[in-house]
């Protein structure tokens, strides 16, 4: 297992990507942001938990005026992260 603490400032976003070989769990510490996945977007609030599976494209967006922070866990740690261009989907 591996874990990191992540913070998105207002207006920050991440590139679309997926991990080929692990589950990815997120626990929101404070703020609010969007988790985007193939099925749509989900508003995450403090205390929210979200999980994405292997090969599931995902990315985050802080569309608020406050910082958005979470802890992310990988099980097992990823061996490969694939960055997705918009025209690849």
PDB file of N, CA and C in Angstrom:
ATOM      1  N   UNK A   1       0.852  -1.163   0.000  1.00  0.00           N
ATOM      2  CA  UNK A   1       0.000   0.000   0.000  1.00  0.00           C
ATOM      3  C   UNK A   1       0.899   1.228   0.000  1.00  0.00           C
ATOM      4  N   UNK A   2       0.412   2.273  -0.630  1.00  0.00           N
ATOM      5  CA  UNK A   2       1.100   3.562  -0.668  1.00  0.00           C
ATOM      6  C   UNK A   2       0.068   4.648  -0.436  1.00  0.00           C
ATOM      7  N   UNK A   3       0.481   5.760   0.187  1.00  0.00           N
ATOM      8  CA  UNK A   3      -0.441   6.865   0.454  1.00  0.00           C
ATOM      9  C   UNK A   3       0.268   8.194   0.226  1.00  0.00           C
ATOM     10  N   UNK A   4      -0.503   9.187  -0.189  1.00  0.00           N
ATOM     11  CA  UNK A   4      -0.019  10.554  -0.373  1.00  0.00           C
ATOM     12  C   UNK A   4      -1.110  11.520   0.053  1.00  0.00           C
ATOM     13  N   UNK A   5      -0.695  12.691   0.521  1.00  0.00           N
ATOM     14  CA  UNK A   5      -1.634  13.778   0.820  1.00  0.00           C
ATOM     15  C   UNK A   5      -1.562  14.760  -0.338  1.00  0.00           C
ATOM     16  N   UNK A   6      -2.728  15.107  -0.884  1.00  0.00           N
ATOM     17  CA  UNK A   6      -2.813  15.951  -2.074  1.00  0.00           C
ATOM     18  C   UNK A   6      -3.662  17.181  -1.758  1.00  0.00           C
ATOM     19  N   UNK A   7      -3.245  18.349  -2.286  1.00  0.00           N
ATOM     20  CA  UNK A   7      -4.064  19.552  -2.163  1.00  0.00           C
ATOM     21  C   UNK A   7      -4.195  20.215  -3.532  1.00  0.00           C
ATOM     22  N   UNK A   8      -5.434  20.553  -3.867  1.00  0.00           N
ATOM     23  CA  UNK A   8      -5.725  21.322  -5.071  1.00  0.00           C
ATOM     24  C   UNK A   8      -6.142  22.721  -4.632  1.00  0.00           C
ATOM     25  N   UNK A   9      -5.486  23.727  -5.201  1.00  0.00           N
ATOM     26  CA  UNK A   9      -5.869  25.111  -4.936  1.00  0.00           C
ATOM     27  C   UNK A   9      -7.063  25.466  -5.818  1.00  0.00           C
ATOM     28  N   UNK A  10      -7.768  26.552  -5.510  1.00  0.00           N
ATOM     29  CA  UNK A  10      -8.907  26.948  -6.348  1.00  0.00           C
ATOM     30  C   UNK A  10      -8.516  27.001  -7.832  1.00  0.00           C
ATOM     31  N   UNK A  11      -9.327  26.349  -8.650  1.00  0.00           N
ATOM     32  CA  UNK A  11      -9.097  26.329 -10.091  1.00  0.00           C
ATOM     33  C   UNK A  11      -8.171  25.232 -10.583  1.00  0.00           C
ATOM     34  N   UNK A  12      -7.485  24.511  -9.676  1.00  0.00           N
ATOM     35  CA  UNK A  12      -6.581  23.434 -10.089  1.00  0.00           C
ATOM     36  C   UNK A  12      -7.359  22.259 -10.668  1.00  0.00           C
ATOM     37  N   UNK A  13      -6.723  21.553 -11.571  1.00  0.00           N
ATOM     38  CA  UNK A  13      -7.268  20.320 -12.123  1.00  0.00           C
ATOM     39  C   UNK A  13      -6.108  19.379 -12.423  1.00  0.00           C
ATOM     40  N   UNK A  14      -6.411  18.116 -12.599  1.00  0.00           N
ATOM     41  CA  UNK A  14      -5.388  17.123 -12.940  1.00  0.00           C
ATOM     42  C   UNK A  14      -5.669  16.595 -14.339  1.00  0.00           C
ATOM     43  N   UNK A  15      -4.660  16.037 -14.957  1.00  0.00           N
ATOM     44  CA  UNK A  15      -4.827  15.411 -16.267  1.00  0.00           C
ATOM     45  C   UNK A  15      -5.550  14.071 -16.114  1.00  0.00           C
ATOM     46  N   UNK A  16      -6.310  13.703 -17.131  1.00  0.00           N
ATOM     47  CA  UNK A  16      -6.987  12.401 -17.137  1.00  0.00           C
ATOM     48  C   UNK A  16      -5.926  11.303 -17.153  1.00  0.00           C
ATOM     49  N   UNK A  17      -6.161  10.277 -16.325  1.00  0.00           N
ATOM     50  CA  UNK A  17      -5.207   9.174 -16.270  1.00  0.00           C
ATOM     51  C   UNK A  17      -5.866   7.942 -15.666  1.00  0.00           C
ATOM     52  N   UNK A  18      -5.144   6.833 -15.718  1.00  0.00           N
ATOM     53  CA  UNK A  18      -5.583   5.618 -15.026  1.00  0.00           C
ATOM     54  C   UNK A  18      -4.354   4.819 -14.630  1.00  0.00           C
ATOM     55  N   UNK A  19      -4.566   3.894 -13.711  1.00  0.00           N
ATOM     56  CA  UNK A  19      -3.516   3.000 -13.222  1.00  0.00           C
ATOM     57  C   UNK A  19      -3.896   1.590 -13.657  1.00  0.00           C
ATOM     58  N   UNK A  20      -2.948   0.883 -14.215  1.00  0.00           N
ATOM     59  CA  UNK A  20      -3.271  -0.414 -14.818  1.00  0.00           C
ATOM     60  C   UNK A  20      -3.389  -1.553 -13.818  1.00  0.00           C
ATOM     61  N   UNK A  21      -2.888  -1.345 -12.602  1.00  0.00           N
ATOM     62  CA  UNK A  21      -2.683  -2.510 -11.748  1.00  0.00           C
ATOM     63  C   UNK A  21      -3.027  -2.302 -10.280  1.00  0.00           C
ATOM     64  N   UNK A  22      -3.909  -1.345  -9.970  1.00  0.00           N
ATOM     65  CA  UNK A  22      -4.208  -1.125  -8.552  1.00  0.00           C
ATOM     66  C   UNK A  22      -5.569  -0.469  -8.371  1.00  0.00           C
ATOM     67  N   UNK A  23      -6.073  -0.556  -7.161  1.00  0.00           N
ATOM     68  CA  UNK A  23      -7.241   0.213  -6.747  1.00  0.00           C
ATOM     69  C   UNK A  23      -6.736   1.490  -6.105  1.00  0.00           C
ATOM     70  N   UNK A  24      -7.511   2.546  -6.254  1.00  0.00           N
ATOM     71  CA  UNK A  24      -7.117   3.872  -5.784  1.00  0.00           C
ATOM     72  C   UNK A  24      -8.261   4.395  -4.912  1.00  0.00           C
ATOM     73  N   UNK A  25      -7.978   4.673  -3.653  1.00  0.00           N
ATOM     74  CA  UNK A  25      -8.985   5.139  -2.701  1.00  0.00           C
ATOM     75  C   UNK A  25      -8.642   6.560  -2.275  1.00  0.00           C
ATOM     76  N   UNK A  26      -9.668   7.408  -2.149  1.00  0.00           N
ATOM     77  CA  UNK A  26      -9.496   8.809  -1.764  1.00  0.00           C
ATOM     78  C   UNK A  26     -10.342   9.101  -0.526  1.00  0.00           C
ATOM     79  N   UNK A  27      -9.752   9.794   0.442  1.00  0.00           N
ATOM     80  CA  UNK A  27     -10.470  10.232   1.635  1.00  0.00           C
ATOM     81  C   UNK A  27     -10.291  11.747   1.732  1.00  0.00           C
ATOM     82  N   UNK A  28     -11.412  12.488   1.680  1.00  0.00           N
ATOM     83  CA  UNK A  28     -11.355  13.950   1.663  1.00  0.00           C
ATOM     84  C   UNK A  28     -11.167  14.494   3.070  1.00  0.00           C
ATOM     85  N   UNK A  29     -10.138  15.331   3.226  1.00  0.00           N
ATOM     86  CA  UNK A  29      -9.823  15.954   4.509  1.00  0.00           C
ATOM     87  C   UNK A  29     -10.594  17.258   4.704  1.00  0.00           C
ATOM     88  N   UNK A  30     -10.541  18.132   3.710  1.00  0.00           N
ATOM     89  CA  UNK A  30     -11.275  19.402   3.786  1.00  0.00           C
ATOM     90  C   UNK A  30     -11.482  19.974   2.385  1.00  0.00           C
ATOM     91  N   UNK A  31     -12.406  20.910   2.313  1.00  0.00           N
ATOM     92  CA  UNK A  31     -12.750  21.514   1.030  1.00  0.00           C
ATOM     93  C   UNK A  31     -13.712  20.638   0.263  1.00  0.00           C
ATOM     94  N   UNK A  32     -13.898  20.995  -0.989  1.00  0.00           N
ATOM     95  CA  UNK A  32     -14.829  20.296  -1.861  1.00  0.00           C
ATOM     96  C   UNK A  32     -14.261  20.302  -3.273  1.00  0.00           C
ATOM     97  N   UNK A  33     -14.458  19.219  -3.989  1.00  0.00           N
ATOM     98  CA  UNK A  33     -13.980  19.149  -5.364  1.00  0.00           C
ATOM     99  C   UNK A  33     -14.727  18.087  -6.132  1.00  0.00           C
ATOM    100  N   UNK A  34     -14.425  18.013  -7.413  1.00  0.00           N
ATOM    101  CA  UNK A  34     -15.071  17.047  -8.291  1.00  0.00           C
ATOM    102  C   UNK A  34     -14.111  15.930  -8.651  1.00  0.00           C
ATOM    103  N   UNK A  35     -14.607  14.706  -8.548  1.00  0.00           N
ATOM    104  CA  UNK A  35     -13.921  13.536  -9.077  1.00  0.00           C
ATOM    105  C   UNK A  35     -14.634  13.189 -10.374  1.00  0.00           C
ATOM    106  N   UNK A  36     -13.906  13.226 -11.474  1.00  0.00           N
ATOM    107  CA  UNK A  36     -14.470  12.880 -12.777  1.00  0.00           C
ATOM    108  C   UNK A  36     -14.054  11.461 -13.129  1.00  0.00           C
ATOM    109  N   UNK A  37     -15.030  10.643 -13.526  1.00  0.00           N
ATOM    110  CA  UNK A  37     -14.807   9.280 -14.005  1.00  0.00           C
ATOM    111  C   UNK A  37     -15.671   9.096 -15.245  1.00  0.00           C
ATOM    112  N   UNK A  38     -15.529   7.967 -15.911  1.00  0.00           N
ATOM    113  CA  UNK A  38     -16.290   7.728 -17.145  1.00  0.00           C
ATOM    114  C   UNK A  38     -17.798   7.881 -16.959  1.00  0.00           C
ATOM    115  N   UNK A  39     -18.311   7.479 -15.790  1.00  0.00           N
ATOM    116  CA  UNK A  39     -19.756   7.506 -15.550  1.00  0.00           C
ATOM    117  C   UNK A  39     -20.288   8.908 -15.240  1.00  0.00           C
ATOM    118  N   UNK A  40     -19.390   9.874 -15.016  1.00  0.00           N
ATOM    119  CA  UNK A  40     -19.832  11.224 -14.693  1.00  0.00           C
ATOM    120  C   UNK A  40     -18.940  11.849 -13.638  1.00  0.00           C
ATOM    121  N   UNK A  41     -19.442  12.921 -13.046  1.00  0.00           N
ATOM    122  CA  UNK A  41     -18.691  13.665 -12.042  1.00  0.00           C
ATOM    123  C   UNK A  41     -19.359  13.521 -10.684  1.00  0.00           C
ATOM    124  N   UNK A  42     -18.542  13.476  -9.644  1.00  0.00           N
ATOM    125  CA  UNK A  42     -19.050  13.295  -8.292  1.00  0.00           C
ATOM    126  C   UNK A  42     -18.460  14.369  -7.383  1.00  0.00           C
ATOM    127  N   UNK A  43     -19.324  15.081  -6.674  1.00  0.00           N
ATOM    128  CA  UNK A  43     -18.892  16.097  -5.716  1.00  0.00           C
ATOM    129  C   UNK A  43     -18.406  15.392  -4.457  1.00  0.00           C
ATOM    130  N   UNK A  44     -17.180  15.649  -4.051  1.00  0.00           N
ATOM    131  CA  UNK A  44     -16.615  15.073  -2.837  1.00  0.00           C
ATOM    132  C   UNK A  44     -16.522  16.147  -1.771  1.00  0.00           C
ATOM    133  N   UNK A  45     -16.934  15.814  -0.560  1.00  0.00           N
ATOM    134  CA  UNK A  45     -16.965  16.722   0.584  1.00  0.00           C
ATOM    135  C   UNK A  45     -16.109  16.134   1.708  1.00  0.00           C
ATOM    136  N   UNK A  46     -15.789  16.909   2.745  1.00  0.00           N
ATOM    137  CA  UNK A  46     -15.009  16.369   3.858  1.00  0.00           C
ATOM    138  C   UNK A  46     -15.633  15.076   4.413  1.00  0.00           C
ATOM    139  N   UNK A  47     -14.805  14.058   4.579  1.00  0.00           N
ATOM    140  CA  UNK A  47     -15.277  12.767   5.058  1.00  0.00           C
ATOM    141  C   UNK A  47     -15.694  11.812   3.951  1.00  0.00           C
ATOM    142  N   UNK A  48     -15.813  12.310   2.710  1.00  0.00           N
ATOM    143  CA  UNK A  48     -16.167  11.441   1.581  1.00  0.00           C
ATOM    144  C   UNK A  48     -15.054  10.455   1.306  1.00  0.00           C
ATOM    145  N   UNK A  49     -15.453   9.275   0.846  1.00  0.00           N
ATOM    146  CA  UNK A  49     -14.521   8.260   0.388  1.00  0.00           C
ATOM    147  C   UNK A  49     -14.942   7.855  -1.017  1.00  0.00           C
ATOM    148  N   UNK A  50     -13.973   7.758  -1.915  1.00  0.00           N
ATOM    149  CA  UNK A  50     -14.247   7.322  -3.283  1.00  0.00           C
ATOM    150  C   UNK A  50     -13.182   6.307  -3.676  1.00  0.00           C
ATOM    151  N   UNK A  51     -13.562   5.375  -4.535  1.00  0.00           N
ATOM    152  CA  UNK A  51     -12.634   4.346  -5.002  1.00  0.00           C
ATOM    153  C   UNK A  51     -12.740   4.257  -6.517  1.00  0.00           C
ATOM    154  N   UNK A  52     -11.593   4.199  -7.183  1.00  0.00           N
ATOM    155  CA  UNK A  52     -11.556   3.887  -8.614  1.00  0.00           C
ATOM    156  C   UNK A  52     -10.741   2.620  -8.783  1.00  0.00           C
ATOM    157  N   UNK A  53     -11.134   1.828  -9.752  1.00  0.00           N
ATOM    158  CA  UNK A  53     -10.478   0.544  -9.969  1.00  0.00           C
ATOM    159  C   UNK A  53      -9.400   0.607 -11.038  1.00  0.00           C
ATOM    160  N   UNK A  54      -8.713  -0.515 -11.233  1.00  0.00           N
ATOM    161  CA  UNK A  54      -7.700  -0.588 -12.276  1.00  0.00           C
ATOM    162  C   UNK A  54      -8.306  -0.221 -13.638  1.00  0.00           C
ATOM    163  N   UNK A  55      -7.559   0.545 -14.422  1.00  0.00           N
ATOM    164  CA  UNK A  55      -7.943   0.964 -15.772  1.00  0.00           C
ATOM    165  C   UNK A  55      -9.119   1.933 -15.822  1.00  0.00           C
ATOM    166  N   UNK A  56      -9.563   2.458 -14.686  1.00  0.00           N
ATOM    167  CA  UNK A  56     -10.670   3.422 -14.672  1.00  0.00           C
ATOM    168  C   UNK A  56     -10.096   4.842 -14.804  1.00  0.00           C
ATOM    169  N   UNK A  57     -10.437   5.506 -15.907  1.00  0.00           N
ATOM    170  CA  UNK A  57      -9.958   6.865 -16.147  1.00  0.00           C
ATOM    171  C   UNK A  57     -10.578   7.795 -15.111  1.00  0.00           C
ATOM    172  N   UNK A  58      -9.735   8.666 -14.521  1.00  0.00           N
ATOM    173  CA  UNK A  58     -10.213   9.593 -13.503  1.00  0.00           C
ATOM    174  C   UNK A  58      -9.334  10.833 -13.463  1.00  0.00           C
ATOM    175  N   UNK A  59      -9.889  11.908 -12.921  1.00  0.00           N
ATOM    176  CA  UNK A  59      -9.147  13.134 -12.674  1.00  0.00           C
ATOM    177  C   UNK A  59      -9.951  14.002 -11.726  1.00  0.00           C
ATOM    178  N   UNK A  60      -9.290  14.957 -11.100  1.00  0.00           N
ATOM    179  CA  UNK A  60      -9.915  15.841 -10.114  1.00  0.00           C
ATOM    180  C   UNK A  60      -9.960  17.269 -10.615  1.00  0.00           C
ATOM    181  N   UNK A  61     -10.892  18.025 -10.039  1.00  0.00           N
ATOM    182  CA  UNK A  61     -11.017  19.449 -10.336  1.00  0.00           C
ATOM    183  C   UNK A  61     -11.473  20.172  -9.077  1.00  0.00           C
ATOM    184  N   UNK A  62     -10.796  21.245  -8.747  1.00  0.00           N
ATOM    185  CA  UNK A  62     -11.270  22.110  -7.662  1.00  0.00           C
ATOM    186  C   UNK A  62     -11.966  23.298  -8.302  1.00  0.00           C
ATOM    187  N   UNK A  63     -13.271  23.244  -8.319  1.00  0.00           N
ATOM    188  CA  UNK A  63     -14.081  24.302  -8.932  1.00  0.00           C
ATOM    189  C   UNK A  63     -14.618  25.273  -7.876  1.00  0.00           C
ATOM    190  N   UNK A  64     -13.969  25.326  -6.713  1.00  0.00           N
ATOM    191  CA  UNK A  64     -14.420  26.195  -5.623  1.00  0.00           C
ATOM    192  C   UNK A  64     -13.369  27.273  -5.346  1.00  0.00           C
ATOM    193  N   UNK A  65     -13.687  28.153  -4.418  1.00  0.00           N
ATOM    194  CA  UNK A  65     -12.775  29.230  -4.016  1.00  0.00           C
ATOM    195  C   UNK A  65     -11.914  28.839  -2.813  1.00  0.00           C
ATOM    196  N   UNK A  66     -12.036  27.600  -2.340  1.00  0.00           N
ATOM    197  CA  UNK A  66     -11.291  27.116  -1.176  1.00  0.00           C
ATOM    198  C   UNK A  66     -10.355  25.983  -1.592  1.00  0.00           C
ATOM    199  N   UNK A  67      -9.320  25.721  -0.788  1.00  0.00           N
ATOM    200  CA  UNK A  67      -8.456  24.579  -1.040  1.00  0.00           C
ATOM    201  C   UNK A  67      -9.223  23.270  -0.839  1.00  0.00           C
ATOM    202  N   UNK A  68      -8.836  22.264  -1.589  1.00  0.00           N
ATOM    203  CA  UNK A  68      -9.457  20.936  -1.560  1.00  0.00           C
ATOM    204  C   UNK A  68      -8.331  19.934  -1.297  1.00  0.00           C
ATOM    205  N   UNK A  69      -8.412  19.192  -0.180  1.00  0.00           N
ATOM    206  CA  UNK A  69      -7.328  18.274   0.181  1.00  0.00           C
ATOM    207  C   UNK A  69      -7.877  16.893   0.495  1.00  0.00           C
ATOM    208  N   UNK A  70      -7.096  15.882   0.123  1.00  0.00           N
ATOM    209  CA  UNK A  70      -7.472  14.506   0.396  1.00  0.00           C
ATOM    210  C   UNK A  70      -6.219  13.656   0.546  1.00  0.00           C
ATOM    211  N   UNK A  71      -6.417  12.478   1.129  1.00  0.00           N
ATOM    212  CA  UNK A  71      -5.374  11.471   1.180  1.00  0.00           C
ATOM    213  C   UNK A  71      -5.757  10.408   0.164  1.00  0.00           C
ATOM    214  N   UNK A  72      -4.778   9.997  -0.636  1.00  0.00           N
ATOM    215  CA  UNK A  72      -5.033   8.934  -1.605  1.00  0.00           C
ATOM    216  C   UNK A  72      -4.206   7.721  -1.239  1.00  0.00           C
ATOM    217  N   UNK A  73      -4.821   6.560  -1.404  1.00  0.00           N
ATOM    218  CA  UNK A  73      -4.189   5.280  -1.089  1.00  0.00           C
ATOM    219  C   UNK A  73      -4.224   4.417  -2.346  1.00  0.00           C
ATOM    220  N   UNK A  74      -3.137   3.708  -2.604  1.00  0.00           N
ATOM    221  CA  UNK A  74      -3.083   2.742  -3.700  1.00  0.00           C
ATOM    222  C   UNK A  74      -2.847   1.362  -3.121  1.00  0.00           C
ATOM    223  N   UNK A  75      -3.570   0.389  -3.621  1.00  0.00           N
ATOM    224  CA  UNK A  75      -3.368  -0.978  -3.187  1.00  0.00           C
ATOM    225  C   UNK A  75      -3.400  -1.912  -4.381  1.00  0.00           C
ATOM    226  N   UNK A  76      -2.318  -2.547  -4.717  1.00  0.00           N
ATOM    227  CA  UNK A  76      -0.937  -2.267  -4.312  1.00  0.00           C
ATOM    228  C   UNK A  76      -0.447  -0.981  -4.973  1.00  0.00           C
ATOM    229  N   UNK A  77       0.747  -0.501  -4.637  1.00  0.00           N
ATOM    230  CA  UNK A  77       1.258   0.698  -5.299  1.00  0.00           C
ATOM    231  C   UNK A  77       1.284   0.504  -6.818  1.00  0.00           C
ATOM    232  N   UNK A  78       0.949   1.555  -7.575  1.00  0.00           N
ATOM    233  CA  UNK A  78       0.876   1.398  -9.035  1.00  0.00           C
ATOM    234  C   UNK A  78       2.249   1.164  -9.658  1.00  0.00           C
ATOM    235  N   UNK A  79       2.258   0.295 -10.654  1.00  0.00           N
ATOM    236  CA  UNK A  79       3.470   0.086 -11.441  1.00  0.00           C
ATOM    237  C   UNK A  79       3.435   0.937 -12.702  1.00  0.00           C
ATOM    238  N   UNK A  80       2.216   1.299 -13.139  1.00  0.00           N
ATOM    239  CA  UNK A  80       2.092   2.091 -14.360  1.00  0.00           C
ATOM    240  C   UNK A  80       0.909   3.051 -14.255  1.00  0.00           C
ATOM    241  N   UNK A  81       1.158   4.308 -14.592  1.00  0.00           N
ATOM    242  CA  UNK A  81       0.106   5.316 -14.736  1.00  0.00           C
ATOM    243  C   UNK A  81       0.091   5.726 -16.187  1.00  0.00           C
ATOM    244  N   UNK A  82      -1.099   5.707 -16.795  1.00  0.00           N
ATOM    245  CA  UNK A  82      -1.252   6.061 -18.197  1.00  0.00           C
ATOM    246  C   UNK A  82      -1.987   7.391 -18.270  1.00  0.00           C
ATOM    247  N   UNK A  83      -1.352   8.387 -18.893  1.00  0.00           N
ATOM    248  CA  UNK A  83      -1.949   9.714 -19.065  1.00  0.00           C
ATOM    249  C   UNK A  83      -2.730   9.713 -20.363  1.00  0.00           C
ATOM    250  N   UNK A  84      -3.984  10.162 -20.295  1.00  0.00           N
ATOM    251  CA  UNK A  84      -4.919  10.055 -21.410  1.00  0.00           C
ATOM    252  C   UNK A  84      -5.104  11.418 -22.067  1.00  0.00           C
ATOM    253  N   UNK A  85      -4.953  11.448 -23.372  1.00  0.00           N
ATOM    254  CA  UNK A  85      -5.264  12.669 -24.130  1.00  0.00           C
ATOM    255  C   UNK A  85      -6.741  12.621 -24.471  1.00  0.00           C
ATOM    256  N   UNK A  86      -7.373  13.786 -24.617  1.00  0.00           N
ATOM    257  CA  UNK A  86      -8.812  13.860 -24.894  1.00  0.00           C
ATOM    258  C   UNK A  86      -9.200  13.052 -26.125  1.00  0.00           C
ATOM    259  N   UNK A  87      -8.368  13.038 -27.157  1.00  0.00           N
ATOM    260  CA  UNK A  87      -8.728  12.318 -28.375  1.00  0.00           C
ATOM    261  C   UNK A  87      -8.472  10.812 -28.278  1.00  0.00           C
ATOM    262  N   UNK A  88      -7.921  10.335 -27.146  1.00  0.00           N
ATOM    263  CA  UNK A  88      -7.713   8.896 -26.928  1.00  0.00           C
ATOM    264  C   UNK A  88      -8.968   8.201 -26.424  1.00  0.00           C
ATOM    265  N   UNK A  89      -9.911   8.973 -25.902  1.00  0.00           N
ATOM    266  CA  UNK A  89     -11.091   8.353 -25.276  1.00  0.00           C
ATOM    267  C   UNK A  89     -12.178   8.108 -26.301  1.00  0.00           C
TER     268      UNK A  89
END
